[in-house]
Structures are given as C-alpha cells and as structure tokens.
Amino acid sequence: MTTETLQHRSHEWIGQVVEDTATGRTGILRAIAPDTDAPRLLAWLAPVGGGREWTTDPSMLVHPVPTSPGPRTAS
C-alpha cells in the first residue's frame, strides 16, 4: 500500500527494531521508500541510540528484535 507522501510504503515493522542482514547492524525501521537517485525501494533505518541513518534493500531485514530481554512466555 502506498501512503500519500514521498511514495512511502506501509510496513508492519515501521517503528520497530530490525536487523539489516547485509551489514549485521540493528536499527529502527523508519520508512520503506524509493531512493531519490533510482526508482527502487529502500528500507531507511536509524541507529537505536541516535546517529546517522542508513539504507538497505528491504529483503535484507529480518524479524524485529524482542522488545524486552528474557524468554517469552506462552499466553
């Protein structure tokens, strides 16, 4: 689905911490949007503690990191 601004795509992980398997880094998924220099979609990530944003191919993202440490319990 396309949102109305800057051709951003919706994604269930936006705002969550994900791993970029291309770099091994983790960051907050900020957007899935086209690159300004090419028509391909990129994932835009920001470091958790702040810092310089980076991009990667959306297919390089893996499931969000758990939001709290420790084992998960069944409900």
N, C-alpha and C. Protein backbone atom coordinates (compact mmCIF):
# COMPACT_ATOMS: atom_id res chain seq x y z
N MET A 1 0.85 -1.18 0.00
CA MET A 1 0.00 0.00 0.00
C MET A 1 0.90 1.24 0.00
N THR A 2 0.53 2.23 -0.76
CA THR A 2 1.30 3.46 -0.83
C THR A 2 0.64 4.53 0.01
N THR A 3 1.43 5.24 0.80
CA THR A 3 0.88 6.38 1.53
C THR A 3 0.95 7.59 0.60
N GLU A 4 0.42 8.70 1.03
CA GLU A 4 0.32 9.86 0.14
C GLU A 4 1.56 10.73 0.09
N THR A 5 2.54 10.52 0.97
CA THR A 5 3.69 11.40 0.98
C THR A 5 4.95 10.67 0.57
N LEU A 6 5.70 11.26 -0.31
CA LEU A 6 7.02 10.79 -0.72
C LEU A 6 7.05 9.34 -1.19
N GLN A 7 5.93 8.82 -1.64
CA GLN A 7 5.82 7.45 -2.13
C GLN A 7 6.24 6.41 -1.11
N HIS A 8 6.06 6.69 0.17
CA HIS A 8 6.39 5.74 1.23
C HIS A 8 5.42 4.57 1.19
N ARG A 9 5.91 3.40 1.54
CA ARG A 9 5.08 2.20 1.61
C ARG A 9 4.81 1.88 3.07
N SER A 10 3.68 1.31 3.33
CA SER A 10 3.41 0.88 4.71
C SER A 10 4.13 -0.44 4.94
N HIS A 11 4.47 -0.69 6.18
CA HIS A 11 5.14 -1.95 6.54
C HIS A 11 4.89 -2.18 8.03
N GLU A 12 4.58 -3.40 8.40
CA GLU A 12 4.22 -3.69 9.79
C GLU A 12 5.36 -3.48 10.78
N TRP A 13 6.61 -3.42 10.31
CA TRP A 13 7.75 -3.25 11.21
C TRP A 13 8.20 -1.81 11.36
N ILE A 14 7.58 -0.85 10.69
CA ILE A 14 8.00 0.55 10.83
C ILE A 14 7.87 0.97 12.29
N GLY A 15 8.94 1.57 12.80
CA GLY A 15 8.99 1.99 14.20
C GLY A 15 9.57 0.94 15.12
N GLN A 16 9.85 -0.25 14.60
CA GLN A 16 10.41 -1.34 15.41
C GLN A 16 11.88 -1.55 15.08
N VAL A 17 12.58 -2.18 16.02
CA VAL A 17 13.98 -2.51 15.82
C VAL A 17 14.06 -3.76 14.95
N VAL A 18 14.84 -3.68 13.87
CA VAL A 18 15.04 -4.79 12.96
C VAL A 18 16.54 -4.98 12.73
N GLU A 19 16.89 -6.12 12.18
CA GLU A 19 18.28 -6.37 11.81
C GLU A 19 18.44 -6.26 10.31
N ASP A 20 19.48 -5.56 9.89
CA ASP A 20 19.86 -5.45 8.49
C ASP A 20 20.91 -6.54 8.26
N THR A 21 20.52 -7.64 7.62
CA THR A 21 21.44 -8.76 7.45
C THR A 21 22.58 -8.44 6.49
N ALA A 22 22.44 -7.41 5.68
CA ALA A 22 23.52 -7.01 4.77
C ALA A 22 24.71 -6.43 5.52
N THR A 23 24.43 -5.76 6.65
CA THR A 23 25.50 -5.12 7.42
C THR A 23 25.69 -5.73 8.80
N GLY A 24 24.70 -6.49 9.28
CA GLY A 24 24.75 -7.04 10.64
C GLY A 24 24.35 -6.02 11.70
N ARG A 25 23.93 -4.83 11.28
CA ARG A 25 23.53 -3.79 12.22
C ARG A 25 22.05 -3.92 12.55
N THR A 26 21.67 -3.41 13.72
CA THR A 26 20.26 -3.30 14.06
C THR A 26 19.90 -1.82 14.13
N GLY A 27 18.67 -1.53 13.81
CA GLY A 27 18.21 -0.14 13.85
C GLY A 27 16.70 -0.09 13.79
N ILE A 28 16.18 1.10 13.92
CA ILE A 28 14.74 1.33 13.87
C ILE A 28 14.34 1.55 12.42
N LEU A 29 13.40 0.75 11.94
CA LEU A 29 12.91 0.92 10.58
C LEU A 29 12.09 2.19 10.52
N ARG A 30 12.56 3.17 9.78
CA ARG A 30 11.90 4.47 9.69
C ARG A 30 10.94 4.56 8.51
N ALA A 31 11.31 3.91 7.38
CA ALA A 31 10.48 4.01 6.18
C ALA A 31 10.89 2.96 5.17
N ILE A 32 9.95 2.66 4.28
CA ILE A 32 10.22 1.91 3.05
C ILE A 32 9.81 2.89 1.95
N ALA A 33 10.79 3.35 1.19
CA ALA A 33 10.52 4.40 0.21
C ALA A 33 11.55 4.33 -0.92
N PRO A 34 11.22 4.89 -2.07
CA PRO A 34 12.18 4.90 -3.17
C PRO A 34 13.40 5.76 -2.85
N ASP A 35 14.51 5.39 -3.44
CA ASP A 35 15.72 6.20 -3.37
C ASP A 35 15.51 7.38 -4.32
N THR A 36 16.06 8.51 -3.99
CA THR A 36 15.89 9.69 -4.85
C THR A 36 16.69 9.56 -6.15
N ASP A 37 17.73 8.73 -6.15
CA ASP A 37 18.57 8.57 -7.34
C ASP A 37 18.13 7.43 -8.25
N ALA A 38 17.27 6.55 -7.77
CA ALA A 38 16.83 5.40 -8.56
C ALA A 38 15.41 5.02 -8.13
N PRO A 39 14.68 4.38 -9.01
CA PRO A 39 13.28 4.05 -8.69
C PRO A 39 13.09 2.86 -7.76
N ARG A 40 14.15 2.23 -7.28
CA ARG A 40 14.00 1.06 -6.42
C ARG A 40 13.64 1.45 -4.99
N LEU A 41 12.93 0.55 -4.31
CA LEU A 41 12.57 0.79 -2.91
C LEU A 41 13.74 0.46 -2.00
N LEU A 42 13.89 1.24 -0.95
CA LEU A 42 14.91 1.01 0.07
C LEU A 42 14.27 1.05 1.44
N ALA A 43 14.87 0.34 2.37
CA ALA A 43 14.49 0.44 3.78
C ALA A 43 15.40 1.48 4.40
N TRP A 44 14.83 2.44 5.12
CA TRP A 44 15.58 3.51 5.78
C TRP A 44 15.59 3.20 7.26
N LEU A 45 16.80 3.06 7.83
CA LEU A 45 16.97 2.68 9.23
C LEU A 45 17.77 3.73 9.98
N ALA A 46 17.48 3.84 11.27
CA ALA A 46 18.20 4.77 12.15
C ALA A 46 18.74 3.98 13.34
N PRO A 47 19.97 4.27 13.77
CA PRO A 47 20.51 3.59 14.95
C PRO A 47 19.62 3.82 16.17
N VAL A 48 19.52 2.82 17.02
CA VAL A 48 18.66 2.91 18.20
C VAL A 48 19.03 4.08 19.10
N GLY A 49 20.29 4.32 19.35
CA GLY A 49 20.72 5.40 20.24
C GLY A 49 20.94 6.73 19.54
N GLY A 50 20.55 6.81 18.28
CA GLY A 50 20.77 8.02 17.50
C GLY A 50 22.00 7.86 16.62
N GLY A 51 22.14 8.72 15.67
CA GLY A 51 23.27 8.64 14.76
C GLY A 51 22.81 8.73 13.32
N ARG A 52 23.70 8.38 12.45
CA ARG A 52 23.45 8.53 11.01
C ARG A 52 22.56 7.41 10.46
N GLU A 53 21.52 7.81 9.77
CA GLU A 53 20.59 6.88 9.13
C GLU A 53 21.30 6.16 7.98
N TRP A 54 20.85 4.93 7.68
CA TRP A 54 21.39 4.22 6.52
C TRP A 54 20.26 3.51 5.80
N THR A 55 20.57 3.05 4.60
CA THR A 55 19.56 2.35 3.79
C THR A 55 20.05 0.95 3.46
N THR A 56 19.08 0.10 3.17
CA THR A 56 19.36 -1.27 2.73
C THR A 56 18.18 -1.76 1.91
N ASP A 57 18.37 -2.85 1.22
CA ASP A 57 17.28 -3.46 0.49
C ASP A 57 16.28 -4.03 1.50
N PRO A 58 14.99 -3.81 1.33
CA PRO A 58 14.00 -4.32 2.29
C PRO A 58 14.07 -5.83 2.48
N SER A 59 14.54 -6.57 1.49
CA SER A 59 14.63 -8.03 1.63
C SER A 59 15.74 -8.44 2.60
N MET A 60 16.59 -7.50 2.99
CA MET A 60 17.68 -7.78 3.92
C MET A 60 17.26 -7.64 5.38
N LEU A 61 16.01 -7.24 5.63
CA LEU A 61 15.52 -7.08 7.00
C LEU A 61 15.02 -8.40 7.55
N VAL A 62 15.29 -8.63 8.83
CA VAL A 62 14.75 -9.82 9.49
C VAL A 62 13.85 -9.39 10.64
N HIS A 63 13.11 -10.35 11.12
CA HIS A 63 12.09 -10.13 12.15
C HIS A 63 12.58 -9.20 13.25
N PRO A 64 11.69 -8.37 13.74
CA PRO A 64 12.07 -7.44 14.80
C PRO A 64 12.68 -8.14 16.00
N VAL A 65 13.61 -7.47 16.62
CA VAL A 65 14.25 -7.95 17.83
C VAL A 65 13.22 -7.88 18.96
N PRO A 66 13.21 -8.84 19.90
CA PRO A 66 12.26 -8.75 21.02
C PRO A 66 12.39 -7.41 21.74
N THR A 67 11.27 -6.87 22.19
CA THR A 67 11.28 -5.56 22.84
C THR A 67 11.73 -5.62 24.28
N SER A 68 11.76 -6.81 24.88
CA SER A 68 12.25 -6.92 26.25
C SER A 68 13.15 -8.14 26.35
N PRO A 69 14.18 -8.08 27.20
CA PRO A 69 15.08 -9.22 27.33
C PRO A 69 14.41 -10.40 28.03
N GLY A 70 14.99 -11.57 27.83
CA GLY A 70 14.47 -12.75 28.51
C GLY A 70 13.56 -13.57 27.64
N PRO A 71 13.26 -14.77 28.08
CA PRO A 71 12.41 -15.67 27.30
C PRO A 71 10.96 -15.19 27.27
N ARG A 72 10.31 -15.52 26.18
CA ARG A 72 8.89 -15.19 26.07
C ARG A 72 8.09 -16.31 26.70
N THR A 73 6.99 -15.96 27.30
CA THR A 73 6.12 -16.97 27.92
C THR A 73 4.86 -17.10 27.10
N ALA A 74 4.31 -18.29 27.04
CA ALA A 74 3.08 -18.52 26.31
C ALA A 74 1.92 -17.88 27.07
N SER A 75 0.96 -17.34 26.34
CA SER A 75 -0.21 -16.72 26.97
C SER A 75 -1.32 -17.70 27.08
